[in-house]
Amino acid sequence: MIIAHVIGARVVNPLTDPISWYAFVPGGAAMIMAGGSLLALLGALITIRMYRGGLARGPWPAIAMAIFSLALIMVGLCRTGRPDTATTIGSTIHRICAGTAFAVLPVVGLMVSRSITEPRTRLPRRLRQSAYGLAALVGIFLSIHLPLAFAGSGIAAFGFLERAGFVIMIGYLFLLAAVIDREAVRTTPAALRSTARDPRGARTDRRPAPGPVDTSRSPVPTASR
């Protein structure tokens, strides 16, 4: 995305024009697709790690992150309309997918934070607060922008707000990854050995269990004189 801004510096105004307009600059469309694909890949890696760390249960966290990743890929595949042109199906899909990518992230954060019953750090609380804050910002922004966008207008500082939104999105993904790093369920080697199982499914231990005590050969205590 930084490369896209450098390529289109003379054409696209970062304060008023959306990031999608870099698609009309030579090489800009490829940079948008690469940026969206990297974020989608990051979402897939976070999904794998939160399940391995025991911070996600059931299909819904994976479904939410799959929607996030797919939406970002569709943002790159479906270009927005050119300035001062009629709204097309591709531009409509582009805008809906961009809004969906932002809207689904707070849901993932809340599901992960609720799965942590005994937090080790303050990061789960920070993630939960960030999720509520991001959801509020996304709701306010979309309620203002979408009606204007479909009417052919837009917010005056839309370019700046959109870029700030992507910075917040990336920071939120890093916060989510930090929570997974700090709060993942860790199993010590001793616990792994104690819970090892034999091929038949029964628990085994490397040390033999003590057997019954044979008292027949034990000396009978006698009273001392």
Protein backbone atom coordinates (compact mmCIF):
# COMPACT_ATOMS: atom_id res chain seq x y z
CA MET A 1 0.00 0.00 0.00
CA ILE A 2 2.95 2.32 0.60
CA ILE A 3 4.16 1.60 -2.94
CA ALA A 4 0.68 2.41 -4.29
CA HIS A 5 0.79 5.77 -2.53
CA VAL A 6 4.21 6.52 -4.03
CA ILE A 7 3.11 5.50 -7.54
CA GLY A 8 -0.04 7.62 -7.49
CA ALA A 9 1.29 10.57 -5.50
CA ARG A 10 0.73 13.00 -8.39
CA VAL A 11 -2.73 11.74 -9.29
CA VAL A 12 -4.52 10.71 -6.09
CA ASN A 13 -5.05 13.08 -3.18
CA PRO A 14 -4.62 11.07 0.04
CA LEU A 15 -6.84 13.46 2.01
CA THR A 16 -9.93 13.36 -0.20
CA ASP A 17 -9.59 10.46 -2.65
CA PRO A 18 -10.18 6.82 -1.66
CA ILE A 19 -7.44 4.22 -1.77
CA SER A 20 -9.37 2.41 -4.51
CA TRP A 21 -8.50 5.14 -6.99
CA TYR A 22 -4.91 3.91 -7.11
CA ALA A 23 -6.34 1.12 -9.29
CA PHE A 24 -6.45 3.62 -12.18
CA VAL A 25 -2.75 4.43 -11.82
CA PRO A 26 -0.33 2.14 -13.76
CA GLY A 27 0.72 -0.60 -11.36
CA GLY A 28 -1.66 0.58 -8.65
CA ALA A 29 -4.22 -2.21 -9.12
CA ALA A 30 -1.53 -4.84 -8.54
CA MET A 31 -0.43 -3.08 -5.36
CA ILE A 32 -4.00 -2.96 -4.04
CA MET A 33 -4.40 -6.67 -4.77
CA ALA A 34 -1.08 -7.46 -3.10
CA GLY A 35 -1.98 -5.42 0.00
CA GLY A 36 -5.39 -7.06 0.33
CA SER A 37 -3.89 -10.52 -0.18
CA LEU A 38 -1.29 -9.93 2.55
CA LEU A 39 -4.00 -8.90 5.01
CA ALA A 40 -6.06 -11.93 3.99
CA LEU A 41 -3.04 -14.18 4.58
CA LEU A 42 -2.50 -12.56 7.98
CA GLY A 43 -6.12 -13.33 8.83
CA ALA A 44 -5.65 -16.98 7.87
CA LEU A 45 -2.49 -17.30 9.99
CA ILE A 46 -4.22 -15.72 12.99
CA THR A 47 -7.10 -18.17 12.58
CA ILE A 48 -4.75 -21.17 12.65
CA ARG A 49 -2.88 -19.87 15.66
CA MET A 50 -5.94 -19.03 17.76
CA TYR A 51 -7.30 -22.56 17.27
CA ARG A 52 -3.94 -24.14 18.08
CA GLY A 53 -3.67 -21.96 21.17
CA GLY A 54 -7.09 -23.03 22.42
CA LEU A 55 -8.55 -19.52 22.15
CA ALA A 56 -11.19 -20.40 19.56
CA ARG A 57 -13.87 -23.07 19.72
CA GLY A 58 -16.50 -24.09 17.23
CA PRO A 59 -16.79 -22.97 13.62
CA TRP A 60 -17.81 -19.33 14.08
CA PRO A 61 -14.37 -17.74 14.65
CA ALA A 62 -13.06 -19.51 11.54
CA ILE A 63 -16.12 -18.47 9.52
CA ALA A 64 -15.73 -14.85 10.59
CA MET A 65 -12.03 -14.75 9.68
CA ALA A 66 -12.75 -16.52 6.38
CA ILE A 67 -15.27 -13.78 5.57
CA PHE A 68 -12.64 -11.16 6.47
CA SER A 69 -9.99 -12.72 4.21
CA LEU A 70 -12.38 -13.34 1.31
CA ALA A 71 -13.73 -9.79 1.54
CA LEU A 72 -10.22 -8.33 1.24
CA ILE A 73 -9.47 -10.46 -1.80
CA MET A 74 -12.74 -9.36 -3.42
CA VAL A 75 -11.82 -5.73 -2.73
CA GLY A 76 -8.79 -6.23 -4.97
CA LEU A 77 -10.59 -8.24 -7.64
CA CYS A 78 -13.59 -5.90 -7.98
CA ARG A 79 -12.47 -2.40 -8.80
CA THR A 80 -14.40 0.64 -7.78
CA GLY A 81 -15.89 2.89 -10.46
CA ARG A 82 -13.91 5.68 -12.02
CA PRO A 83 -14.46 9.17 -10.68
CA ASP A 84 -17.61 10.88 -12.00
CA THR A 85 -19.00 7.63 -13.46
CA ALA A 86 -22.15 5.68 -12.70
CA THR A 87 -22.11 3.01 -10.00
CA THR A 88 -21.44 -0.46 -11.36
CA ILE A 89 -21.95 -3.95 -9.92
CA GLY A 90 -18.20 -4.29 -9.42
CA SER A 91 -17.94 -1.03 -7.51
CA THR A 92 -20.91 -2.02 -5.34
CA ILE A 93 -19.29 -5.37 -4.48
CA HIS A 94 -16.04 -3.51 -3.79
CA ARG A 95 -17.68 -1.18 -1.27
CA ILE A 96 -19.71 -3.90 0.45
CA CYS A 97 -16.66 -6.14 0.84
CA ALA A 98 -14.56 -3.29 2.22
CA GLY A 99 -17.23 -2.52 4.82
CA THR A 100 -17.62 -6.21 5.65
CA ALA A 101 -13.89 -6.63 6.30
CA PHE A 102 -14.01 -3.83 8.86
CA ALA A 103 -17.26 -4.97 10.44
CA VAL A 104 -16.28 -8.61 11.04
CA LEU A 105 -13.06 -7.90 12.98
CA PRO A 106 -14.73 -6.74 16.23
CA VAL A 107 -16.76 -9.96 16.26
CA VAL A 108 -13.59 -12.06 16.12
CA GLY A 109 -11.98 -10.05 18.90
CA LEU A 110 -14.98 -10.48 21.17
CA MET A 111 -15.12 -14.23 20.58
CA VAL A 112 -11.42 -14.60 21.39
CA SER A 113 -11.57 -12.41 24.51
CA ARG A 114 -14.60 -14.29 25.87
CA SER A 115 -12.80 -17.62 25.51
CA ILE A 116 -10.11 -16.47 27.95
CA THR A 117 -11.46 -17.20 31.43
CA GLU A 118 -8.22 -16.70 33.36
CA PRO A 119 -6.19 -13.99 31.58
CA ARG A 120 -2.47 -13.77 32.25
CA THR A 121 -2.16 -10.16 31.06
CA ARG A 122 -4.31 -7.10 30.46
CA LEU A 123 -4.33 -7.67 26.71
CA PRO A 124 -7.70 -9.53 26.61
CA ARG A 125 -9.39 -6.57 28.31
CA ARG A 126 -7.70 -4.20 25.88
CA LEU A 127 -8.81 -6.37 22.98
CA ARG A 128 -12.40 -6.37 24.23
CA GLN A 129 -12.40 -2.58 24.65
CA SER A 130 -10.83 -2.14 21.21
CA ALA A 131 -13.47 -4.42 19.68
CA TYR A 132 -16.31 -2.32 21.10
CA GLY A 133 -14.58 0.89 20.01
CA LEU A 134 -13.90 -0.40 16.50
CA ALA A 135 -17.49 -1.62 16.14
CA ALA A 136 -18.79 1.82 17.13
CA LEU A 137 -16.47 3.60 14.69
CA VAL A 138 -17.35 1.26 11.85
CA GLY A 139 -21.06 1.67 12.52
CA ILE A 140 -20.87 5.46 12.57
CA PHE A 141 -18.67 5.64 9.48
CA LEU A 142 -20.73 3.24 7.37
CA SER A 143 -24.03 4.86 8.37
CA ILE A 144 -22.71 8.17 7.03
CA HIS A 145 -20.62 7.05 4.08
CA LEU A 146 -22.72 4.36 2.40
CA PRO A 147 -25.79 6.55 1.74
CA LEU A 148 -23.54 9.27 0.38
CA ALA A 149 -21.55 6.83 -1.75
CA PHE A 150 -24.64 5.32 -3.37
CA ALA A 151 -25.97 8.84 -3.98
CA GLY A 152 -22.80 9.75 -5.85
CA SER A 153 -21.28 11.96 -3.20
CA GLY A 154 -18.92 11.37 -0.30
CA ILE A 155 -17.38 12.67 2.90
CA ALA A 156 -15.06 15.63 2.41
CA ALA A 157 -12.11 14.00 4.22
CA PHE A 158 -12.98 10.49 3.09
CA GLY A 159 -9.44 9.69 1.92
CA PHE A 160 -7.89 10.54 5.26
CA LEU A 161 -10.58 8.65 7.21
CA GLU A 162 -10.22 5.55 5.03
CA ARG A 163 -6.45 5.48 5.43
CA ALA A 164 -6.79 5.97 9.18
CA GLY A 165 -9.26 3.07 9.19
CA PHE A 166 -6.77 0.76 7.51
CA VAL A 167 -4.08 1.73 10.01
CA ILE A 168 -6.51 0.91 12.84
CA MET A 169 -7.35 -2.42 11.15
CA ILE A 170 -3.70 -3.43 10.93
CA GLY A 171 -3.06 -2.37 14.52
CA TYR A 172 -6.10 -4.37 15.64
CA LEU A 173 -4.76 -7.47 13.87
CA PHE A 174 -1.44 -7.05 15.67
CA LEU A 175 -3.27 -6.69 18.99
CA LEU A 176 -5.21 -9.88 18.24
CA ALA A 177 -1.95 -11.69 17.46
CA ALA A 178 -0.38 -10.38 20.69
CA VAL A 179 -3.32 -11.73 22.71
CA ILE A 180 -2.85 -15.13 21.08
CA ASP A 181 0.89 -15.07 21.86
CA ARG A 182 0.41 -14.18 25.53
CA GLU A 183 -2.78 -16.07 26.36
CA ALA A 184 -2.46 -19.31 24.37
CA VAL A 185 -2.81 -22.51 26.39
CA ARG A 186 0.66 -23.85 27.06
CA THR A 187 1.37 -27.47 27.97
CA THR A 188 4.62 -28.28 29.72
CA PRO A 189 6.69 -31.35 28.70
CA ALA A 190 5.97 -32.98 32.08
CA ALA A 191 2.24 -32.61 31.48
CA LEU A 192 2.62 -34.10 28.04
CA ARG A 193 4.43 -37.12 29.44
CA SER A 194 1.89 -37.65 32.19
CA THR A 195 -1.02 -37.57 29.76
CA ALA A 196 0.55 -39.79 27.11
CA ARG A 197 -1.66 -42.57 25.81
CA ASP A 198 -0.94 -46.02 24.48
CA PRO A 199 -2.35 -47.18 21.08
CA ARG A 200 -5.45 -48.56 22.79
CA GLY A 201 -6.29 -45.16 24.27
CA ALA A 202 -5.38 -45.88 27.90
CA ARG A 203 -3.17 -43.48 29.76
CA THR A 204 0.37 -44.65 30.36
CA ASP A 205 3.29 -43.38 32.37
CA ARG A 206 6.95 -44.14 31.92
CA ARG A 207 7.27 -45.09 35.57
CA PRO A 208 5.63 -48.43 36.52
CA ALA A 209 2.70 -48.16 38.87
CA PRO A 210 3.30 -49.64 42.33
CA GLY A 211 1.85 -53.15 42.70
CA PRO A 212 0.19 -54.78 45.72
CA VAL A 213 2.34 -55.08 48.79
CA ASP A 214 3.20 -58.68 49.81
CA THR A 215 2.89 -58.81 53.58
CA SER A 216 3.48 -62.57 53.91
CA ARG A 217 7.25 -62.13 54.00
CA SER A 218 7.27 -59.04 56.15
CA PRO A 219 8.81 -59.61 59.60
CA VAL A 220 6.32 -59.75 62.41
CA PRO A 221 7.14 -57.18 65.00
CA THR A 222 7.79 -58.62 68.46
CA ALA A 223 7.64 -56.91 71.75
CA SER A 224 11.04 -56.01 73.04
CA ARG A 225 11.96 -56.94 76.55
